[in-house]
PDB file of N, CA and C in Angstrom:
ATOM      1  N   UNK A   1      76.749  99.606 112.465  1.00  0.00           N
ATOM      2  CA  UNK A   1      77.376 100.255 111.331  1.00  0.00           C
ATOM      3  C   UNK A   1      76.331 101.105 110.620  1.00  0.00           C
ATOM      4  N   UNK A   2      76.775 102.149 110.015  1.00  0.00           N
ATOM      5  CA  UNK A   2      75.894 103.083 109.330  1.00  0.00           C
ATOM      6  C   UNK A   2      75.411 102.492 108.002  1.00  0.00           C
ATOM      7  N   UNK A   3      74.380 103.114 107.465  1.00  0.00           N
ATOM      8  CA  UNK A   3      73.898 102.720 106.142  1.00  0.00           C
ATOM      9  C   UNK A   3      74.960 103.052 105.107  1.00  0.00           C
ATOM     10  N   UNK A   4      74.936 102.333 104.027  1.00  0.00           N
ATOM     11  CA  UNK A   4      75.948 102.524 102.974  1.00  0.00           C
ATOM     12  C   UNK A   4      75.505 103.564 101.960  1.00  0.00           C
ATOM     13  N   UNK A   5      75.123 104.743 102.432  1.00  0.00           N
ATOM     14  CA  UNK A   5      74.734 105.817 101.527  1.00  0.00           C
ATOM     15  C   UNK A   5      75.967 106.495 100.935  1.00  0.00           C
ATOM     16  N   UNK A   6      77.115 106.253 101.540  1.00  0.00           N
ATOM     17  CA  UNK A   6      78.375 106.783 101.034  1.00  0.00           C
ATOM     18  C   UNK A   6      78.959 105.745 100.088  1.00  0.00           C
ATOM     19  N   UNK A   7      79.463 106.208  98.972  1.00  0.00           N
ATOM     20  CA  UNK A   7      80.049 105.317  97.978  1.00  0.00           C
ATOM     21  C   UNK A   7      81.571 105.463  97.993  1.00  0.00           C
ATOM     22  N   UNK A   8      82.244 104.415  97.608  1.00  0.00           N
ATOM     23  CA  UNK A   8      83.712 104.477  97.474  1.00  0.00           C
ATOM     24  C   UNK A   8      84.078 105.563  96.461  1.00  0.00           C
ATOM     25  N   UNK A   9      83.211 105.795  95.509  1.00  0.00           N
ATOM     26  CA  UNK A   9      83.457 106.815  94.480  1.00  0.00           C
ATOM     27  C   UNK A   9      83.501 108.226  95.074  1.00  0.00           C
ATOM     28  N   UNK A  10      82.943 108.424  96.274  1.00  0.00           N
ATOM     29  CA  UNK A  10      82.936 109.735  96.925  1.00  0.00           C
ATOM     30  C   UNK A  10      84.324 110.119  97.459  1.00  0.00           C
ATOM     31  N   UNK A  11      85.191 109.133  97.646  1.00  0.00           N
ATOM     32  CA  UNK A  11      86.535 109.389  98.164  1.00  0.00           C
ATOM     33  C   UNK A  11      87.453 109.882  97.043  1.00  0.00           C
ATOM     34  N   UNK A  12      88.527 110.545  97.425  1.00  0.00           N
ATOM     35  CA  UNK A  12      89.492 111.056  96.449  1.00  0.00           C
ATOM     36  C   UNK A  12      90.017 109.923  95.578  1.00  0.00           C
ATOM     37  N   UNK A  13      90.151 110.161  94.267  1.00  0.00           N
ATOM     38  CA  UNK A  13      90.588 109.115  93.337  1.00  0.00           C
ATOM     39  C   UNK A  13      91.976 108.556  93.641  1.00  0.00           C
ATOM     40  N   UNK A  14      92.867 109.366  94.212  1.00  0.00           N
ATOM     41  CA  UNK A  14      94.232 108.892  94.457  1.00  0.00           C
ATOM     42  C   UNK A  14      94.306 107.822  95.551  1.00  0.00           C
ATOM     43  N   UNK A  15      93.283 107.678  96.358  1.00  0.00           N
ATOM     44  CA  UNK A  15      93.325 106.711  97.460  1.00  0.00           C
ATOM     45  C   UNK A  15      93.282 105.264  96.978  1.00  0.00           C
ATOM     46  N   UNK A  16      92.513 105.022  95.940  1.00  0.00           N
ATOM     47  CA  UNK A  16      92.307 103.646  95.473  1.00  0.00           C
ATOM     48  C   UNK A  16      92.666 103.507  93.997  1.00  0.00           C
ATOM     49  N   UNK A  17      93.761 104.128  93.619  1.00  0.00           N
ATOM     50  CA  UNK A  17      94.185 104.118  92.229  1.00  0.00           C
ATOM     51  C   UNK A  17      94.589 102.732  91.744  1.00  0.00           C
ATOM     52  N   UNK A  18      95.016 101.874  92.656  1.00  0.00           N
ATOM     53  CA  UNK A  18      95.569 100.575  92.273  1.00  0.00           C
ATOM     54  C   UNK A  18      94.590  99.416  92.403  1.00  0.00           C
ATOM     55  N   UNK A  19      93.355  99.693  92.776  1.00  0.00           N
ATOM     56  CA  UNK A  19      92.345  98.637  92.927  1.00  0.00           C
ATOM     57  C   UNK A  19      91.081  99.018  92.165  1.00  0.00           C
ATOM     58  N   UNK A  20      90.281  98.024  91.865  1.00  0.00           N
ATOM     59  CA  UNK A  20      88.998  98.275  91.227  1.00  0.00           C
ATOM     60  C   UNK A  20      88.024  98.740  92.302  1.00  0.00           C
ATOM     61  N   UNK A  21      87.678 100.016  92.269  1.00  0.00           N
ATOM     62  CA  UNK A  21      86.795 100.600  93.287  1.00  0.00           C
ATOM     63  C   UNK A  21      85.461  99.874  93.390  1.00  0.00           C
ATOM     64  N   UNK A  22      84.996  99.341  92.282  1.00  0.00           N
ATOM     65  CA  UNK A  22      83.699  98.654  92.274  1.00  0.00           C
ATOM     66  C   UNK A  22      83.724  97.344  93.047  1.00  0.00           C
ATOM     67  N   UNK A  23      84.916  96.802  93.272  1.00  0.00           N
ATOM     68  CA  UNK A  23      85.034  95.531  93.988  1.00  0.00           C
ATOM     69  C   UNK A  23      85.321  95.707  95.478  1.00  0.00           C
ATOM     70  N   UNK A  24      85.541  96.946  95.917  1.00  0.00           N
ATOM     71  CA  UNK A  24      85.787  97.182  97.336  1.00  0.00           C
ATOM     72  C   UNK A  24      84.484  97.004  98.105  1.00  0.00           C
ATOM     73  N   UNK A  25      84.557  96.244  99.178  1.00  0.00           N
ATOM     74  CA  UNK A  25      83.393  95.973 100.019  1.00  0.00           C
ATOM     75  C   UNK A  25      83.603  96.674 101.360  1.00  0.00           C
ATOM     76  N   UNK A  26      82.580  97.391 101.824  1.00  0.00           N
ATOM     77  CA  UNK A  26      82.697  98.155 103.069  1.00  0.00           C
ATOM     78  C   UNK A  26      83.080  97.283 104.257  1.00  0.00           C
ATOM     79  N   UNK A  27      82.624  96.045 104.282  1.00  0.00           N
ATOM     80  CA  UNK A  27      82.907  95.172 105.417  1.00  0.00           C
ATOM     81  C   UNK A  27      84.198  94.370 105.225  1.00  0.00           C
ATOM     82  N   UNK A  28      84.334  93.736 104.068  1.00  0.00           N
ATOM     83  CA  UNK A  28      85.505  92.894 103.817  1.00  0.00           C
ATOM     84  C   UNK A  28      86.802  93.694 103.732  1.00  0.00           C
ATOM     85  N   UNK A  29      86.744  94.886 103.172  1.00  0.00           N
ATOM     86  CA  UNK A  29      87.944  95.698 102.950  1.00  0.00           C
ATOM     87  C   UNK A  29      88.045  96.872 103.924  1.00  0.00           C
ATOM     88  N   UNK A  30      87.419  96.737 105.066  1.00  0.00           N
ATOM     89  CA  UNK A  30      87.351  97.801 106.064  1.00  0.00           C
ATOM     90  C   UNK A  30      88.739  98.322 106.449  1.00  0.00           C
ATOM     91  N   UNK A  31      89.647  97.433 106.776  1.00  0.00           N
ATOM     92  CA  UNK A  31      90.986  97.845 107.219  1.00  0.00           C
ATOM     93  C   UNK A  31      91.745  98.563 106.099  1.00  0.00           C
ATOM     94  N   UNK A  32      91.619  98.061 104.884  1.00  0.00           N
ATOM     95  CA  UNK A  32      92.304  98.679 103.742  1.00  0.00           C
ATOM     96  C   UNK A  32      91.775 100.091 103.490  1.00  0.00           C
ATOM     97  N   UNK A  33      90.460 100.252 103.537  1.00  0.00           N
ATOM     98  CA  UNK A  33      89.848 101.556 103.300  1.00  0.00           C
ATOM     99  C   UNK A  33      90.284 102.540 104.389  1.00  0.00           C
ATOM    100  N   UNK A  34      90.215 102.109 105.641  1.00  0.00           N
ATOM    101  CA  UNK A  34      90.578 102.981 106.760  1.00  0.00           C
ATOM    102  C   UNK A  34      92.051 103.379 106.681  1.00  0.00           C
ATOM    103  N   UNK A  35      92.923 102.426 106.417  1.00  0.00           N
ATOM    104  CA  UNK A  35      94.366 102.715 106.345  1.00  0.00           C
ATOM    105  C   UNK A  35      94.676 103.729 105.245  1.00  0.00           C
ATOM    106  N   UNK A  36      94.099 103.521 104.065  1.00  0.00           N
ATOM    107  CA  UNK A  36      94.358 104.443 102.954  1.00  0.00           C
ATOM    108  C   UNK A  36      93.897 105.864 103.283  1.00  0.00           C
ATOM    109  N   UNK A  37      92.719 105.969 103.868  1.00  0.00           N
ATOM    110  CA  UNK A  37      92.197 107.302 104.170  1.00  0.00           C
ATOM    111  C   UNK A  37      93.027 107.980 105.255  1.00  0.00           C
ATOM    112  N   UNK A  38      93.399 107.249 106.278  1.00  0.00           N
ATOM    113  CA  UNK A  38      94.184 107.846 107.367  1.00  0.00           C
ATOM    114  C   UNK A  38      95.565 108.272 106.883  1.00  0.00           C
ATOM    115  N   UNK A  39      96.200 107.453 106.065  1.00  0.00           N
ATOM    116  CA  UNK A  39      97.561 107.772 105.635  1.00  0.00           C
ATOM    117  C   UNK A  39      97.622 108.750 104.464  1.00  0.00           C
ATOM    118  N   UNK A  40      96.664 108.690 103.553  1.00  0.00           N
ATOM    119  CA  UNK A  40      96.781 109.480 102.326  1.00  0.00           C
ATOM    120  C   UNK A  40      95.574 110.360 102.009  1.00  0.00           C
ATOM    121  N   UNK A  41      94.551 110.301 102.836  1.00  0.00           N
ATOM    122  CA  UNK A  41      93.322 111.004 102.529  1.00  0.00           C
ATOM    123  C   UNK A  41      93.352 112.491 102.850  1.00  0.00           C
ATOM    124  N   UNK A  42      92.408 113.187 102.259  1.00  0.00           N
ATOM    125  CA  UNK A  42      92.196 114.602 102.538  1.00  0.00           C
ATOM    126  C   UNK A  42      91.180 114.717 103.667  1.00  0.00           C
ATOM    127  N   UNK A  43      90.968 115.926 104.149  1.00  0.00           N
ATOM    128  CA  UNK A  43      90.018 116.123 105.244  1.00  0.00           C
ATOM    129  C   UNK A  43      88.615 115.665 104.851  1.00  0.00           C
ATOM    130  N   UNK A  44      88.215 115.884 103.611  1.00  0.00           N
ATOM    131  CA  UNK A  44      86.882 115.439 103.177  1.00  0.00           C
ATOM    132  C   UNK A  44      86.782 113.907 103.207  1.00  0.00           C
ATOM    133  N   UNK A  45      87.883 113.236 102.918  1.00  0.00           N
ATOM    134  CA  UNK A  45      87.902 111.774 102.979  1.00  0.00           C
ATOM    135  C   UNK A  45      87.769 111.303 104.427  1.00  0.00           C
ATOM    136  N   UNK A  46      88.449 111.990 105.338  1.00  0.00           N
ATOM    137  CA  UNK A  46      88.367 111.644 106.759  1.00  0.00           C
ATOM    138  C   UNK A  46      86.926 111.786 107.264  1.00  0.00           C
ATOM    139  N   UNK A  47      86.258 112.866 106.859  1.00  0.00           N
ATOM    140  CA  UNK A  47      84.874 113.087 107.293  1.00  0.00           C
ATOM    141  C   UNK A  47      83.944 111.999 106.760  1.00  0.00           C
ATOM    142  N   UNK A  48      84.148 111.603 105.510  1.00  0.00           N
ATOM    143  CA  UNK A  48      83.350 110.512 104.943  1.00  0.00           C
ATOM    144  C   UNK A  48      83.598 109.205 105.686  1.00  0.00           C
ATOM    145  N   UNK A  49      84.855 108.953 106.019  1.00  0.00           N
ATOM    146  CA  UNK A  49      85.218 107.736 106.749  1.00  0.00           C
ATOM    147  C   UNK A  49      84.539 107.701 108.115  1.00  0.00           C
ATOM    148  N   UNK A  50      84.553 108.833 108.806  1.00  0.00           N
ATOM    149  CA  UNK A  50      83.893 108.916 110.111  1.00  0.00           C
ATOM    150  C   UNK A  50      82.390 108.677 109.991  1.00  0.00           C
ATOM    151  N   UNK A  51      81.786 109.210 108.960  1.00  0.00           N
ATOM    152  CA  UNK A  51      80.347 108.992 108.752  1.00  0.00           C
ATOM    153  C   UNK A  51      80.055 107.523 108.514  1.00  0.00           C
ATOM    154  N   UNK A  52      80.938 106.876 107.794  1.00  0.00           N
ATOM    155  CA  UNK A  52      80.707 105.483 107.423  1.00  0.00           C
ATOM    156  C   UNK A  52      80.909 104.527 108.593  1.00  0.00           C
ATOM    157  N   UNK A  53      82.018 104.673 109.315  1.00  0.00           N
ATOM    158  CA  UNK A  53      82.383 103.693 110.332  1.00  0.00           C
ATOM    159  C   UNK A  53      82.246 104.185 111.774  1.00  0.00           C
ATOM    160  N   UNK A  54      82.356 105.466 111.996  1.00  0.00           N
ATOM    161  CA  UNK A  54      82.337 105.984 113.364  1.00  0.00           C
ATOM    162  C   UNK A  54      83.730 105.935 113.972  1.00  0.00           C
ATOM    163  N   UNK A  55      83.988 106.849 114.868  1.00  0.00           N
ATOM    164  CA  UNK A  55      85.322 107.006 115.451  1.00  0.00           C
ATOM    165  C   UNK A  55      85.758 105.787 116.256  1.00  0.00           C
ATOM    166  N   UNK A  56      84.845 105.209 117.005  1.00  0.00           N
ATOM    167  CA  UNK A  56      85.201 104.053 117.841  1.00  0.00           C
ATOM    168  C   UNK A  56      85.645 102.864 116.994  1.00  0.00           C
ATOM    169  N   UNK A  57      84.900 102.578 115.931  1.00  0.00           N
ATOM    170  CA  UNK A  57      85.252 101.445 115.074  1.00  0.00           C
ATOM    171  C   UNK A  57      86.567 101.708 114.334  1.00  0.00           C
ATOM    172  N   UNK A  58      86.775 102.928 113.890  1.00  0.00           N
ATOM    173  CA  UNK A  58      88.033 103.277 113.214  1.00  0.00           C
ATOM    174  C   UNK A  58      89.210 103.046 114.171  1.00  0.00           C
ATOM    175  N   UNK A  59      89.068 103.504 115.406  1.00  0.00           N
ATOM    176  CA  UNK A  59      90.119 103.309 116.404  1.00  0.00           C
ATOM    177  C   UNK A  59      90.406 101.841 116.659  1.00  0.00           C
ATOM    178  N   UNK A  60      89.356 101.037 116.767  1.00  0.00           N
ATOM    179  CA  UNK A  60      89.535  99.606 117.023  1.00  0.00           C
ATOM    180  C   UNK A  60      90.218  98.895 115.867  1.00  0.00           C
ATOM    181  N   UNK A  61      89.860  99.247 114.653  1.00  0.00           N
ATOM    182  CA  UNK A  61      90.503  98.645 113.470  1.00  0.00           C
ATOM    183  C   UNK A  61      91.977  99.056 113.426  1.00  0.00           C
ATOM    184  N   UNK A  62      92.259 100.318 113.688  1.00  0.00           N
ATOM    185  CA  UNK A  62      93.641 100.801 113.649  1.00  0.00           C
ATOM    186  C   UNK A  62      94.498 100.156 114.727  1.00  0.00           C
ATOM    187  N   UNK A  63      93.912  99.835 115.847  1.00  0.00           N
ATOM    188  CA  UNK A  63      94.658  99.173 116.924  1.00  0.00           C
ATOM    189  C   UNK A  63      95.302  97.877 116.465  1.00  0.00           C
ATOM    190  N   UNK A  64      94.633  97.162 115.576  1.00  0.00           N
ATOM    191  CA  UNK A  64      95.134  95.871 115.127  1.00  0.00           C
ATOM    192  C   UNK A  64      96.013  95.917 113.891  1.00  0.00           C
ATOM    193  N   UNK A  65      96.225  97.099 113.314  1.00  0.00           N
ATOM    194  CA  UNK A  65      97.033  97.198 112.090  1.00  0.00           C
ATOM    195  C   UNK A  65      98.510  96.954 112.375  1.00  0.00           C
ATOM    196  N   UNK A  66      99.144  96.212 111.480  1.00  0.00           N
ATOM    197  CA  UNK A  66     100.578  95.894 111.629  1.00  0.00           C
ATOM    198  C   UNK A  66     101.464  97.096 111.340  1.00  0.00           C
ATOM    199  N   UNK A  67     100.975  98.009 110.512  1.00  0.00           N
ATOM    200  CA  UNK A  67     101.791  99.184 110.202  1.00  0.00           C
ATOM    201  C   UNK A  67     100.910 100.409 109.971  1.00  0.00           C
ATOM    202  N   UNK A  68     101.385 101.511 110.458  1.00  0.00           N
ATOM    203  CA  UNK A  68     100.826 102.844 110.220  1.00  0.00           C
ATOM    204  C   UNK A  68     102.010 103.793 110.292  1.00  0.00           C
ATOM    205  N   UNK A  69     102.036 104.791 109.428  1.00  0.00           N
ATOM    206  CA  UNK A  69     103.146 105.729 109.535  1.00  0.00           C
ATOM    207  C   UNK A  69     103.003 106.542 110.826  1.00  0.00           C
ATOM    208  N   UNK A  70     104.076 107.155 111.234  1.00  0.00           N
ATOM    209  CA  UNK A  70     104.140 107.837 112.535  1.00  0.00           C
ATOM    210  C   UNK A  70     103.081 108.934 112.666  1.00  0.00           C
ATOM    211  N   UNK A  71     102.906 109.745 111.627  1.00  0.00           N
ATOM    212  CA  UNK A  71     101.906 110.820 111.680  1.00  0.00           C
ATOM    213  C   UNK A  71     100.502 110.253 111.838  1.00  0.00           C
ATOM    214  N   UNK A  72     100.198 109.220 111.089  1.00  0.00           N
ATOM    215  CA  UNK A  72      98.870 108.616 111.147  1.00  0.00           C
ATOM    216  C   UNK A  72      98.606 108.000 112.512  1.00  0.00           C
ATOM    217  N   UNK A  73      99.616 107.342 113.056  1.00  0.00           N
ATOM    218  CA  UNK A  73      99.482 106.748 114.384  1.00  0.00           C
ATOM    219  C   UNK A  73      99.205 107.828 115.428  1.00  0.00           C
ATOM    220  N   UNK A  74      99.973 108.900 115.389  1.00  0.00           N
ATOM    221  CA  UNK A  74      99.763 109.990 116.340  1.00  0.00           C
ATOM    222  C   UNK A  74      98.384 110.620 116.160  1.00  0.00           C
ATOM    223  N   UNK A  75      97.977 110.817 114.920  1.00  0.00           N
ATOM    224  CA  UNK A  75      96.669 111.409 114.637  1.00  0.00           C
ATOM    225  C   UNK A  75      95.546 110.558 115.209  1.00  0.00           C
ATOM    226  N   UNK A  76      95.548 109.277 114.889  1.00  0.00           N
ATOM    227  CA  UNK A  76      94.455 108.405 115.318  1.00  0.00           C
ATOM    228  C   UNK A  76      94.484 108.231 116.836  1.00  0.00           C
ATOM    229  N   UNK A  77      95.659 108.233 117.428  1.00  0.00           N
ATOM    230  CA  UNK A  77      95.769 108.134 118.877  1.00  0.00           C
ATOM    231  C   UNK A  77      95.150 109.353 119.562  1.00  0.00           C
ATOM    232  N   UNK A  78      95.470 110.531 119.078  1.00  0.00           N
ATOM    233  CA  UNK A  78      94.942 111.766 119.675  1.00  0.00           C
ATOM    234  C   UNK A  78      93.442 111.891 119.443  1.00  0.00           C
ATOM    235  N   UNK A  79      93.008 111.629 118.234  1.00  0.00           N
ATOM    236  CA  UNK A  79      91.600 111.846 117.893  1.00  0.00           C
ATOM    237  C   UNK A  79      90.667 110.845 118.585  1.00  0.00           C
ATOM    238  N   UNK A  80      91.168 109.628 118.855  1.00  0.00           N
ATOM    239  CA  UNK A  80      90.327 108.624 119.510  1.00  0.00           C
ATOM    240  C   UNK A  80      90.557 108.567 121.019  1.00  0.00           C
ATOM    241  N   UNK A  81      91.672 109.134 121.478  1.00  0.00           N
ATOM    242  CA  UNK A  81      91.988 109.080 122.902  1.00  0.00           C
ATOM    243  C   UNK A  81      92.593 107.747 123.327  1.00  0.00           C
ATOM    244  N   UNK A  82      92.982 106.935 122.351  1.00  0.00           N
ATOM    245  CA  UNK A  82      93.608 105.643 122.643  1.00  0.00           C
ATOM    246  C   UNK A  82      95.120 105.865 122.713  1.00  0.00           C
ATOM    247  N   UNK A  83      95.762 105.458 123.806  1.00  0.00           N
ATOM    248  CA  UNK A  83      97.223 105.639 123.898  1.00  0.00           C
ATOM    249  C   UNK A  83      97.937 104.897 122.770  1.00  0.00           C
ATOM    250  N   UNK A  84      98.934 105.539 122.186  1.00  0.00           N
ATOM    251  CA  UNK A  84      99.590 104.903 121.041  1.00  0.00           C
ATOM    252  C   UNK A  84     100.316 103.627 121.415  1.00  0.00           C
ATOM    253  N   UNK A  85     100.610 103.448 122.688  1.00  0.00           N
ATOM    254  CA  UNK A  85     101.239 102.213 123.149  1.00  0.00           C
ATOM    255  C   UNK A  85     100.305 101.009 123.019  1.00  0.00           C
ATOM    256  N   UNK A  86      99.016 101.254 122.811  1.00  0.00           N
ATOM    257  CA  UNK A  86      98.028 100.174 122.668  1.00  0.00           C
ATOM    258  C   UNK A  86      97.913  99.668 121.233  1.00  0.00           C
ATOM    259  N   UNK A  87      98.539 100.350 120.299  1.00  0.00           N
ATOM    260  CA  UNK A  87      98.420  99.985 118.892  1.00  0.00           C
ATOM    261  C   UNK A  87      99.449  98.921 118.534  1.00  0.00           C
ATOM    262  N   UNK A  88      99.016  97.948 117.773  1.00  0.00           N
ATOM    263  CA  UNK A  88      99.889  96.848 117.346  1.00  0.00           C
ATOM    264  C   UNK A  88     101.100  97.365 116.577  1.00  0.00           C
ATOM    265  N   UNK A  89     100.879  98.345 115.703  1.00  0.00           N
ATOM    266  CA  UNK A  89     101.990  98.863 114.896  1.00  0.00           C
ATOM    267  C   UNK A  89     103.044  99.535 115.777  1.00  0.00           C
ATOM    268  N   UNK A  90     102.649 100.126 116.870  1.00  0.00           N
ATOM    269  CA  UNK A  90     103.600 100.744 117.799  1.00  0.00           C
ATOM    270  C   UNK A  90     104.408  99.669 118.509  1.00  0.00           C
ATOM    271  N   UNK A  91     103.734  98.627 118.948  1.00  0.00           N
ATOM    272  CA  UNK A  91     104.392  97.531 119.663  1.00  0.00           C
ATOM    273  C   UNK A  91     105.369  96.799 118.745  1.00  0.00           C
ATOM    274  N   UNK A  92     104.953  96.512 117.502  1.00  0.00           N
ATOM    275  CA  UNK A  92     105.817  95.798 116.563  1.00  0.00           C
ATOM    276  C   UNK A  92     107.037  96.620 116.153  1.00  0.00           C
ATOM    277  N   UNK A  93     106.895  97.930 116.183  1.00  0.00           N
ATOM    278  CA  UNK A  93     107.994  98.807 115.780  1.00  0.00           C
ATOM    279  C   UNK A  93     109.109  98.799 116.822  1.00  0.00           C
ATOM    280  N   UNK A  94     108.787  98.503 118.052  1.00  0.00           N
ATOM    281  CA  UNK A  94     109.758  98.549 119.158  1.00  0.00           C
ATOM    282  C   UNK A  94     110.886  97.563 118.955  1.00  0.00           C
TER     283      UNK A  94
END
């Protein structure tokens, strides 16, 4: 994992409006951070997320998510090269 030179405060304010940003932990809240950025983030948020976790780790975390909206699922599938049929949210939706 990369160094934590990126702060949660660097992300768009609308992503974490309902939680205390100071209590978000890069490791413990990894799935929550990734999901919010993929579903609601701007391009600058996506770039920060990639710097923090790397594409492979983002793809692996997304594979295990119970839900992702259709656009986000397609995006992460194309960008990582992982077939969308491999994602838990795709399987559960069937």
